[in-house]
C-alpha atoms as a PDB file:
ATOM      1  CA  UNK A   1      44.130-117.286-150.379  1.00  0.00           C
ATOM      2  CA  UNK A   2      43.333-115.033-147.430  1.00  0.00           C
ATOM      3  CA  UNK A   3      46.433-116.435-145.711  1.00  0.00           C
ATOM      4  CA  UNK A   4      48.583-115.267-148.623  1.00  0.00           C
ATOM      5  CA  UNK A   5      47.337-111.706-148.184  1.00  0.00           C
ATOM      6  CA  UNK A   6      48.088-111.864-144.485  1.00  0.00           C
ATOM      7  CA  UNK A   7      51.589-113.297-145.018  1.00  0.00           C
ATOM      8  CA  UNK A   8      52.428-110.684-147.653  1.00  0.00           C
ATOM      9  CA  UNK A   9      51.134-107.877-145.419  1.00  0.00           C
ATOM     10  CA  UNK A  10      53.293-109.093-142.554  1.00  0.00           C
ATOM     11  CA  UNK A  11      56.333-109.251-144.841  1.00  0.00           C
ATOM     12  CA  UNK A  12      55.647-105.722-146.018  1.00  0.00           C
ATOM     13  CA  UNK A  13      55.343-104.504-142.445  1.00  0.00           C
ATOM     14  CA  UNK A  14      58.668-106.106-141.549  1.00  0.00           C
ATOM     15  CA  UNK A  15      60.355-104.418-144.520  1.00  0.00           C
ATOM     16  CA  UNK A  16      58.926-101.075-143.383  1.00  0.00           C
ATOM     17  CA  UNK A  17      60.299-101.636-139.888  1.00  0.00           C
ATOM     18  CA  UNK A  18      63.681-102.442-141.450  1.00  0.00           C
ATOM     19  CA  UNK A  19      63.657 -99.138-143.324  1.00  0.00           C
ATOM     20  CA  UNK A  20      62.969 -97.168-140.157  1.00  0.00           C
ATOM     21  CA  UNK A  21      65.333 -99.092-137.878  1.00  0.00           C
ATOM     22  CA  UNK A  22      68.659 -99.573-139.715  1.00  0.00           C
ATOM     23  CA  UNK A  23      70.403-100.974-136.637  1.00  0.00           C
ATOM     24  CA  UNK A  24      68.004-103.921-136.434  1.00  0.00           C
ATOM     25  CA  UNK A  25      67.084-104.080-140.115  1.00  0.00           C
ATOM     26  CA  UNK A  26      68.708-107.487-140.564  1.00  0.00           C
ATOM     27  CA  UNK A  27      66.253-108.986-138.052  1.00  0.00           C
ATOM     28  CA  UNK A  28      63.267-107.459-139.801  1.00  0.00           C
ATOM     29  CA  UNK A  29      64.481-108.530-143.239  1.00  0.00           C
ATOM     30  CA  UNK A  30      64.914-112.121-142.063  1.00  0.00           C
ATOM     31  CA  UNK A  31      61.394-111.999-140.637  1.00  0.00           C
ATOM     32  CA  UNK A  32      60.082-110.567-143.926  1.00  0.00           C
ATOM     33  CA  UNK A  33      61.760-113.389-145.825  1.00  0.00           C
ATOM     34  CA  UNK A  34      60.078-115.926-143.532  1.00  0.00           C
ATOM     35  CA  UNK A  35      56.650-114.413-144.233  1.00  0.00           C
ATOM     36  CA  UNK A  36      57.319-114.360-147.980  1.00  0.00           C
ATOM     37  CA  UNK A  37      58.346-118.014-147.858  1.00  0.00           C
ATOM     38  CA  UNK A  38      55.076-118.872-146.089  1.00  0.00           C
ATOM     39  CA  UNK A  39      53.123-116.993-148.774  1.00  0.00           C
ATOM     40  CA  UNK A  40      54.911-118.873-151.557  1.00  0.00           C
ATOM     41  CA  UNK A  41      54.305-122.210-149.827  1.00  0.00           C
ATOM     42  CA  UNK A  42      50.609-121.378-149.451  1.00  0.00           C
ATOM     43  CA  UNK A  43      50.341-120.459-153.143  1.00  0.00           C
ATOM     44  CA  UNK A  44      52.142-123.648-154.190  1.00  0.00           C
ATOM     45  CA  UNK A  45      49.846-125.710-152.000  1.00  0.00           C
ATOM     46  CA  UNK A  46      46.777-123.999-153.429  1.00  0.00           C
ATOM     47  CA  UNK A  47      47.797-124.577-157.043  1.00  0.00           C
ATOM     48  CA  UNK A  48      48.802-128.170-156.340  1.00  0.00           C
ATOM     49  CA  UNK A  49      45.367-128.748-154.812  1.00  0.00           C
ATOM     50  CA  UNK A  50      43.641-127.064-157.763  1.00  0.00           C
ATOM     51  CA  UNK A  51      45.598-129.076-160.323  1.00  0.00           C
ATOM     52  CA  UNK A  52      44.930-132.337-158.496  1.00  0.00           C
ATOM     53  CA  UNK A  53      41.209-131.580-158.305  1.00  0.00           C
ATOM     54  CA  UNK A  54      41.137-130.446-161.925  1.00  0.00           C
ATOM     55  CA  UNK A  55      42.924-133.561-163.186  1.00  0.00           C
ATOM     56  CA  UNK A  56      40.333-135.777-161.460  1.00  0.00           C
ATOM     57  CA  UNK A  57      37.370-133.814-162.802  1.00  0.00           C
ATOM     58  CA  UNK A  58      37.517-135.090-166.440  1.00  0.00           C
ATOM     59  CA  UNK A  59      37.534-138.689-165.216  1.00  0.00           C
ATOM     60  CA  UNK A  60      34.369-138.050-163.249  1.00  0.00           C
ATOM     61  CA  UNK A  61      32.673-136.387-166.215  1.00  0.00           C
ATOM     62  CA  UNK A  62      33.493-139.189-168.642  1.00  0.00           C
ATOM     63  CA  UNK A  63      32.250-141.822-166.184  1.00  0.00           C
ATOM     64  CA  UNK A  64      28.883-140.078-165.869  1.00  0.00           C
END
């Protein structure tokens, strides 16, 4: 989840740059969107991994 924090921080930084540089704001906002997409993908991957691990856990407990 450390990656998510990093991705969100980078997105926030890009949005701040966009606010202070209106001429190039479109570039910064696209970059911010890219970082946010990476954060969402990381979260989805994490929860998919957790749910897969969790769904296997009861089978292991009942076999023991």
